[in-house]
Structure formats: structure tokens, C-alpha cells
Protein backbone atom coordinates (compact mmCIF):
# COMPACT_ATOMS: atom_id res chain seq x y z
CA UNK A 1 -261.35 -178.35 -32.58
CA UNK A 2 -258.84 -175.47 -32.99
CA UNK A 3 -259.44 -171.94 -34.19
CA UNK A 4 -257.80 -171.03 -37.46
CA UNK A 5 -257.09 -167.89 -39.39
CA UNK A 6 -258.25 -167.31 -42.99
CA UNK A 7 -256.97 -163.97 -44.25
CA UNK A 8 -258.42 -161.41 -41.93
CA UNK A 9 -261.03 -163.86 -40.48
CA UNK A 10 -260.87 -166.01 -37.35
CA UNK A 11 -262.68 -169.33 -37.80
CA UNK A 12 -263.85 -170.97 -34.61
CA UNK A 13 -265.39 -174.48 -34.91
CA UNK A 14 -268.31 -174.92 -32.51
CA UNK A 15 -269.49 -178.31 -33.73
CA UNK A 16 -268.30 -180.72 -36.34
CA UNK A 17 -270.84 -179.17 -38.75
CA UNK A 18 -270.66 -175.43 -37.89
CA UNK A 19 -268.12 -172.66 -37.22
CA UNK A 20 -268.12 -169.11 -36.02
CA UNK A 21 -266.49 -166.51 -38.33
CA UNK A 22 -265.19 -163.37 -36.68
CA UNK A 23 -264.14 -160.10 -38.48
CA UNK A 24 -263.24 -156.65 -37.14
CA UNK A 25 -262.32 -153.16 -38.17
CA UNK A 26 -261.43 -149.81 -36.60
CA UNK A 27 -261.60 -146.15 -37.56
CA UNK A 28 -260.07 -143.03 -36.02
CA UNK A 29 -259.66 -139.39 -36.89
CA UNK A 30 -262.83 -139.23 -39.02
CA UNK A 31 -265.66 -137.29 -37.41
CA UNK A 32 -266.56 -133.94 -35.87
CA UNK A 33 -263.97 -133.54 -33.08
CA UNK A 34 -261.27 -130.88 -33.16
CA UNK A 35 -258.36 -133.25 -33.88
CA UNK A 36 -260.07 -135.22 -36.58
CA UNK A 37 -258.43 -135.33 -40.01
CA UNK A 38 -261.62 -135.84 -42.07
CA UNK A 39 -264.73 -133.89 -41.16
CA UNK A 40 -267.83 -135.97 -41.41
CA UNK A 41 -270.92 -137.04 -39.40
CA UNK A 42 -269.81 -139.72 -36.92
CA UNK A 43 -272.83 -141.80 -38.10
CA UNK A 44 -271.13 -142.15 -41.47
CA UNK A 45 -267.80 -143.05 -39.81
CA UNK A 46 -269.43 -145.89 -37.82
CA UNK A 47 -271.52 -147.11 -40.74
CA UNK A 48 -268.50 -147.55 -42.99
CA UNK A 49 -266.47 -149.14 -40.17
CA UNK A 50 -269.24 -151.72 -39.90
CA UNK A 51 -269.26 -152.18 -43.70
CA UNK A 52 -265.77 -153.65 -43.73
CA UNK A 53 -266.33 -156.71 -41.45
CA UNK A 54 -269.86 -157.20 -42.79
CA UNK A 55 -268.47 -157.50 -46.36
CA UNK A 56 -265.69 -159.81 -45.17
CA UNK A 57 -268.30 -162.15 -43.69
CA UNK A 58 -270.65 -161.94 -46.64
CA UNK A 59 -267.79 -162.60 -49.15
CA UNK A 60 -266.85 -165.65 -47.14
CA UNK A 61 -270.47 -166.89 -47.01
CA UNK A 62 -271.03 -166.46 -43.22
CA UNK A 63 -274.30 -165.20 -41.79
CA UNK A 64 -273.75 -162.39 -39.23
CA UNK A 65 -275.31 -163.17 -35.82
CA UNK A 66 -274.00 -160.28 -33.62
CA UNK A 67 -272.44 -156.90 -34.00
CA UNK A 68 -270.28 -155.22 -31.34
CA UNK A 69 -269.17 -151.57 -31.36
CA UNK A 70 -266.41 -150.24 -29.11
CA UNK A 71 -266.61 -146.48 -29.25
CA UNK A 72 -263.69 -144.52 -27.98
CA UNK A 73 -265.81 -141.44 -27.23
CA UNK A 74 -268.50 -140.17 -24.91
CA UNK A 75 -272.03 -141.56 -25.34
CA UNK A 76 -273.59 -138.09 -25.78
CA UNK A 77 -273.42 -136.86 -28.48
CA UNK A 78 -270.75 -138.72 -30.45
CA UNK A 79 -271.60 -142.22 -29.25
CA UNK A 80 -275.28 -141.82 -29.95
CA UNK A 81 -274.53 -140.66 -33.50
CA UNK A 82 -272.28 -143.62 -34.03
CA UNK A 83 -274.79 -146.20 -32.67
CA UNK A 84 -277.44 -144.64 -34.98
CA UNK A 85 -275.04 -145.03 -37.89
CA UNK A 86 -274.35 -148.67 -37.09
CA UNK A 87 -278.06 -149.44 -36.73
CA UNK A 88 -278.79 -147.69 -40.07
CA UNK A 89 -276.04 -149.66 -41.81
CA UNK A 90 -277.39 -152.93 -40.34
CA UNK A 91 -280.80 -152.07 -41.73
CA UNK A 92 -279.23 -151.27 -45.09
CA UNK A 93 -277.64 -154.70 -45.09
CA UNK A 94 -280.99 -156.26 -44.10
CA UNK A 95 -279.59 -157.20 -40.70
CA UNK A 96 -281.69 -154.99 -38.50
CA UNK A 97 -282.74 -157.88 -36.30
CA UNK A 98 -279.14 -158.93 -35.52
CA UNK A 99 -278.26 -158.08 -31.81
CA UNK A 100 -275.96 -155.03 -31.28
CA UNK A 101 -273.80 -154.64 -28.14
CA UNK A 102 -271.00 -152.22 -27.31
CA UNK A 103 -269.36 -149.71 -25.06
CA UNK A 104 -268.48 -146.01 -24.99
CA UNK A 105 -265.65 -143.99 -23.27
CA UNK A 106 -267.31 -141.81 -20.65
CA UNK A 107 -264.35 -141.44 -18.21
CA UNK A 108 -262.01 -139.39 -20.39
CA UNK A 109 -262.53 -136.37 -22.61
CA UNK A 110 -261.47 -137.19 -26.23
CA UNK A 111 -260.42 -134.91 -29.04
CA UNK A 112 -260.56 -137.40 -31.95
CA UNK A 113 -263.34 -139.71 -33.02
CA UNK A 114 -262.74 -143.46 -32.85
CA UNK A 115 -264.63 -146.75 -33.14
CA UNK A 116 -263.92 -150.44 -33.31
CA UNK A 117 -266.37 -152.91 -34.80
CA UNK A 118 -266.49 -156.71 -34.41
CA UNK A 119 -268.99 -158.88 -36.28
CA UNK A 120 -269.52 -162.57 -35.48
CA UNK A 121 -271.14 -164.79 -38.03
CA UNK A 122 -271.74 -168.49 -38.47
CA UNK A 123 -271.31 -170.86 -41.37
CA UNK A 124 -271.84 -174.51 -42.07
CA UNK A 125 -268.46 -176.18 -42.44
CA UNK A 126 -269.41 -177.79 -45.77
CA UNK A 127 -270.30 -174.36 -47.17
CA UNK A 128 -266.80 -172.81 -46.59
CA UNK A 129 -265.06 -171.62 -49.79
CA UNK A 130 -262.66 -174.05 -51.31
CA UNK A 131 -259.54 -173.58 -53.57
CA UNK A 132 -259.83 -173.30 -57.26
CA UNK A 133 -259.60 -176.40 -59.52
CA UNK A 134 -259.40 -174.32 -62.71
CA UNK A 135 -257.98 -170.96 -63.98
CA UNK A 136 -259.76 -167.91 -62.68
CA UNK A 137 -260.53 -164.44 -63.97
CA UNK A 138 -260.60 -161.77 -61.24
CA UNK A 139 -262.92 -158.78 -61.55
CA UNK A 140 -263.01 -155.55 -59.59
CA UNK A 141 -266.27 -154.39 -58.19
CA UNK A 142 -266.24 -150.75 -57.21
CA UNK A 143 -263.65 -147.93 -57.17
CA UNK A 144 -261.00 -147.30 -54.48
CA UNK A 145 -262.07 -144.33 -52.27
CA UNK A 146 -260.65 -143.17 -48.96
CA UNK A 147 -261.29 -140.24 -46.58
CA UNK A 148 -263.06 -137.35 -48.19
CA UNK A 149 -263.51 -139.40 -51.46
CA UNK A 150 -265.81 -141.80 -49.63
CA UNK A 151 -268.00 -138.94 -48.47
CA UNK A 152 -268.13 -137.51 -51.98
CA UNK A 153 -269.21 -140.85 -53.49
CA UNK A 154 -271.59 -142.23 -50.93
CA UNK A 155 -274.37 -142.53 -53.46
CA UNK A 156 -272.37 -144.52 -55.97
CA UNK A 157 -270.67 -147.15 -53.76
CA UNK A 158 -272.00 -150.69 -54.52
CA UNK A 159 -274.69 -152.19 -52.21
CA UNK A 160 -274.80 -155.27 -50.01
CA UNK A 161 -277.47 -156.70 -52.29
CA UNK A 162 -275.08 -156.55 -55.19
CA UNK A 163 -272.46 -158.52 -53.24
CA UNK A 164 -275.02 -161.06 -52.26
CA UNK A 165 -276.25 -161.45 -55.85
CA UNK A 166 -272.79 -161.91 -57.19
CA UNK A 167 -271.81 -164.46 -54.58
CA UNK A 168 -274.85 -166.53 -55.48
CA UNK A 169 -273.52 -167.15 -58.94
CA UNK A 170 -272.22 -170.74 -59.40
CA UNK A 171 -269.23 -169.50 -61.34
CA UNK A 172 -267.96 -167.37 -58.42
CA UNK A 173 -265.11 -169.18 -56.58
CA UNK A 174 -263.85 -166.42 -54.24
CA UNK A 175 -264.69 -162.89 -53.16
CA UNK A 176 -262.42 -160.58 -51.18
CA UNK A 177 -263.02 -157.03 -49.91
CA UNK A 178 -260.25 -154.53 -50.48
CA UNK A 179 -259.40 -151.96 -47.85
CA UNK A 180 -256.36 -149.89 -46.89
CA UNK A 181 -253.77 -152.25 -48.45
CA UNK A 182 -255.15 -151.82 -51.95
CA UNK A 183 -256.11 -154.02 -54.84
CA UNK A 184 -252.62 -155.41 -55.60
CA UNK A 185 -252.05 -156.66 -52.09
CA UNK A 186 -255.49 -158.37 -51.86
CA UNK A 187 -255.09 -159.88 -55.36
CA UNK A 188 -251.83 -161.37 -54.07
CA UNK A 189 -253.68 -162.82 -51.09
CA UNK A 190 -256.23 -164.34 -53.37
CA UNK A 191 -253.58 -165.85 -55.69
CA UNK A 192 -251.76 -167.28 -52.66
CA UNK A 193 -255.02 -168.95 -51.38
CA UNK A 194 -255.50 -170.77 -54.59
CA UNK A 195 -251.80 -171.49 -55.34
CA UNK A 196 -251.99 -169.64 -58.62
CA UNK A 197 -249.94 -166.92 -60.33
CA UNK A 198 -251.21 -163.47 -61.34
CA UNK A 199 -251.41 -162.48 -64.97
CA UNK A 200 -252.57 -158.88 -65.18
CA UNK A 201 -255.17 -157.85 -67.79
CA UNK A 202 -254.57 -154.18 -67.01
CA UNK A 203 -251.52 -152.05 -66.26
CA UNK A 204 -250.12 -153.53 -63.04
CA UNK A 205 -248.58 -150.18 -62.20
CA UNK A 206 -251.85 -148.20 -62.47
CA UNK A 207 -252.21 -146.04 -59.32
CA UNK A 208 -255.79 -147.38 -58.75
CA UNK A 209 -254.40 -150.86 -58.06
CA UNK A 210 -252.11 -149.60 -55.30
CA UNK A 211 -254.12 -147.00 -53.54
CA UNK A 212 -256.23 -147.54 -50.43
CA UNK A 213 -259.81 -148.64 -51.02
CA UNK A 214 -260.75 -147.23 -47.55
CA UNK A 215 -263.79 -148.86 -46.02
CA UNK A 216 -263.98 -151.74 -48.55
CA UNK A 217 -265.09 -149.65 -51.48
CA UNK A 218 -263.73 -152.45 -53.69
CA UNK A 219 -264.43 -156.19 -53.77
CA UNK A 220 -262.42 -158.65 -55.81
CA UNK A 221 -264.52 -161.33 -57.51
CA UNK A 222 -262.75 -164.51 -58.75
CA UNK A 223 -264.69 -166.49 -61.42
CA UNK A 224 -264.02 -169.71 -63.24
CA UNK A 225 -262.38 -168.37 -66.39
CA UNK A 226 -264.63 -170.35 -68.76
CA UNK A 227 -267.70 -168.68 -67.23
CA UNK A 228 -266.38 -165.17 -66.99
CA UNK A 229 -268.36 -163.85 -69.93
CA UNK A 230 -271.55 -165.22 -68.43
CA UNK A 231 -270.97 -163.36 -65.15
CA UNK A 232 -270.15 -160.02 -66.80
CA UNK A 233 -273.42 -160.22 -68.83
CA UNK A 234 -275.31 -160.31 -65.54
CA UNK A 235 -273.06 -157.76 -63.79
CA UNK A 236 -271.62 -155.31 -66.35
CA UNK A 237 -270.17 -153.20 -63.59
CA UNK A 238 -267.48 -155.83 -62.99
CA UNK A 239 -264.09 -154.96 -64.57
CA UNK A 240 -261.68 -157.75 -65.35
CA UNK A 241 -258.20 -157.01 -63.97
CA UNK A 242 -256.31 -160.33 -63.90
CA UNK A 243 -256.22 -163.98 -64.64
CA UNK A 244 -255.02 -166.46 -62.07
CA UNK A 245 -253.19 -169.37 -63.70
CA UNK A 246 -250.78 -172.10 -62.74
CA UNK A 247 -247.20 -170.72 -62.46
CA UNK A 248 -244.81 -171.65 -65.27
CA UNK A 249 -242.30 -174.07 -63.92
């Protein structure tokens, strides 16, 4: 059984029925140190770094089983703040009982805040997402924010519960978090996965489609087109941005 790559995820089969799913993220220059670019509590930096791989696993359908933080700063005070932020975010995601491991940098003095996060999950192989068998409508959940914008909109960014509820809908075929590469890039990845072509329902040159969505402040939701109206009735916050169809030959 060989490891495979699916988008930003590593899939590692452990039995014929089950696989590990591994996701990671990093953040630097956001904190309270003198060389940081964005000034914010390191707890928030760590929480939103964890948010990215957590959402990647949730959107894929994997259940997180362990979280690892690799903090590029001293334990006291920066590391302690970051660990508290990670634990708070785990609780927010209803994963407070998942084991947390990690390390800090206590040999060297640092002048910028940095952290790496790895999340390992597991999934039954028969529950892995499959490619589409019909045309899809792709919705955008959330608004792209990065840096200071994230801090200014902390109270309005969608919750883990919302992501879970959407993924439970039978009409949902695919979900994909959007980060620094923006909506257009990730929409292209989704289209490639399903072997379909993008037909935009909005202005394809709109800046919001090309800007960074920072720590996964947007998730793309692909729904069987014939059931799109049903899904938007349940989740009116979803905004249709494109259809995925067979390419014209």
C-alpha cells in the first residue's frame, strides 16, 4: 500500500479498509515580536494556523486523531500563548480530547513569530470523496480575508459546525478550503479533480476571486447542479460562483 497525494493532503493507507490523512500549515510574521508584520496575540496566530489543516481534513471527511505544533519561538511567553490558542481552537472545533504534541525553540532568541501545524486524521477508504458523475454548481462559503482583515472579522468567519453541516448534505460532492492562492486557483483544482470545465456565474476577473483567503476564510462547496437550489435554501450564506461542466469538444 503506497502513500498518495490528493491536493494538499497526504493519504497513507494503514489497512485495506482505512487510511491516515495528513494536512499541515505554517504561519510567520504574525504576532507580538518586533519584526512581525501583523500585530496580534500569538494565540490567534496559532488558532488560525490550526484552522487550515483542520478544515482540509473536515472537507475531505477525515476525523482528526492528533495535532502537532512546531513553534519557532521560546516557550515562555510566546509558546505558551500559542499552545493556549491551539487548545482553544481545538475546543471550538469540538476536538478538545484529541492529543496535542509539539516543540518550541528555546536555544535561540527570535524576533518574529512562527508556527507550523500538522494534523493527522483517519478515514474509512470507502468514505473517501469520489469524482462527479453529473454537472456541479460551486458555491463560496465565506469572504477572503488575510492579515489585519482576519483580526477585524474574527466574529463573522464561518464556524466548523457550519462546515460539518454542509458536508453532511447528500447533494455535496466536494468541499475545498481556500487559502493564500485564492478562489480561482482552488476552483481550478476542483475542476481538474472532476475532469470538468469552469463556467463562471460571476465576473471571473473580480478581485475577490484572486486575492488570498488567508487562513482558509473561504471554502468552496461543489453540489450536484440539480440539487443546488435545495442546498441554498438550507444555507443561504452560500454564493454561487461557477458551474462545472463537461468541456466542449
